[in-house]
Amino acid sequence: MEENARGYERAEAISRELVDIGPSAADAVALGLRMQGSWRKHLLPYVRAHRRKRVIADAVRLVCKRENDPLRNSI
């Protein structure tokens, strides 16, 4: 459990770092969104901050097309 908590804290820290990096992190965030896994929820602050960036918008559209994607209703 302790290891999971550390992983969660690290994911949150990375999320904040990505938002601080700004548009230059868009390709990496878009790649992450196209993958599978619950860790992708940590990318949502970046998505909200940079939704108009084309690569992010394209990745969001892909996620929304996936009927069974848990992020579908969060974006």
Protein backbone atom coordinates (compact mmCIF):
# COMPACT_ATOMS: atom_id res chain seq x y z
CA MET A 1 0.00 0.00 0.00
CA GLU A 2 2.82 2.36 0.84
CA GLU A 3 4.35 1.79 -2.58
CA ASN A 4 1.02 2.52 -4.26
CA ALA A 5 0.70 5.75 -2.27
CA ARG A 6 4.17 6.84 -3.38
CA GLY A 7 3.25 6.04 -6.99
CA TYR A 8 0.09 8.10 -6.72
CA GLU A 9 1.99 11.05 -5.22
CA ARG A 10 4.60 10.81 -7.99
CA ALA A 11 1.88 10.76 -10.65
CA GLU A 12 0.35 13.90 -9.15
CA ALA A 13 3.75 15.61 -9.10
CA ILE A 14 4.35 14.70 -12.74
CA SER A 15 0.94 16.08 -13.61
CA ARG A 16 1.82 19.43 -12.04
CA GLU A 17 5.19 19.43 -13.82
CA LEU A 18 3.51 18.84 -17.18
CA VAL A 19 1.17 21.78 -16.64
CA ASP A 20 4.18 23.94 -15.76
CA ILE A 21 6.07 22.78 -18.87
CA GLY A 22 3.19 23.97 -21.00
CA PRO A 23 2.61 23.42 -24.72
CA SER A 24 5.92 21.68 -25.33
CA ALA A 25 4.65 18.68 -23.33
CA ALA A 26 1.57 18.28 -25.53
CA ASP A 27 2.94 15.40 -27.62
CA ALA A 28 3.85 13.36 -24.54
CA VAL A 29 0.49 14.02 -22.90
CA ALA A 30 -1.38 13.11 -26.10
CA LEU A 31 0.55 9.84 -26.29
CA GLY A 32 -0.35 9.10 -22.68
CA LEU A 33 -4.03 9.78 -23.33
CA ARG A 34 -4.04 7.32 -26.22
CA MET A 35 -2.73 4.56 -23.93
CA GLN A 36 -4.74 2.55 -21.43
CA GLY A 37 -4.61 2.70 -17.65
CA SER A 38 -6.08 4.52 -14.70
CA TRP A 39 -2.91 6.61 -14.34
CA ARG A 40 -4.12 8.72 -17.30
CA LYS A 41 -6.50 10.58 -14.99
CA HIS A 42 -3.44 12.47 -13.78
CA LEU A 43 -3.12 13.96 -17.27
CA LEU A 44 -6.50 15.69 -17.01
CA PRO A 45 -5.19 18.94 -15.46
CA TYR A 46 -2.90 19.32 -18.48
CA VAL A 47 -5.74 18.49 -20.86
CA ARG A 48 -7.93 21.13 -19.26
CA ALA A 49 -5.17 23.73 -19.44
CA HIS A 50 -4.20 23.01 -23.06
CA ARG A 51 -7.37 21.64 -24.64
CA ARG A 52 -7.06 23.93 -27.67
CA LYS A 53 -3.68 22.54 -28.69
CA ARG A 54 -4.41 20.41 -31.75
CA VAL A 55 -2.58 17.27 -30.64
CA ILE A 56 -4.45 17.32 -27.32
CA ALA A 57 -7.80 17.95 -29.01
CA ASP A 58 -7.16 15.00 -31.35
CA ALA A 59 -6.29 12.71 -28.43
CA VAL A 60 -9.40 13.83 -26.53
CA ARG A 61 -11.56 13.01 -29.56
CA LEU A 62 -10.02 9.53 -29.71
CA VAL A 63 -10.67 8.91 -26.02
CA CYS A 64 -14.27 10.06 -26.42
CA LYS A 65 -14.82 7.62 -29.29
CA ARG A 66 -13.84 4.65 -27.13
CA GLU A 67 -17.06 3.32 -25.67
CA ASN A 68 -15.38 1.55 -22.74
CA ASP A 69 -12.76 4.15 -21.88
CA PRO A 70 -13.14 5.26 -18.25
CA LEU A 71 -11.82 8.73 -19.11
CA ARG A 72 -14.51 9.22 -21.72
CA ASN A 73 -16.86 11.00 -19.31
CA SER A 74 -14.10 12.86 -17.46
CA ILE A 75 -12.76 14.87 -20.36
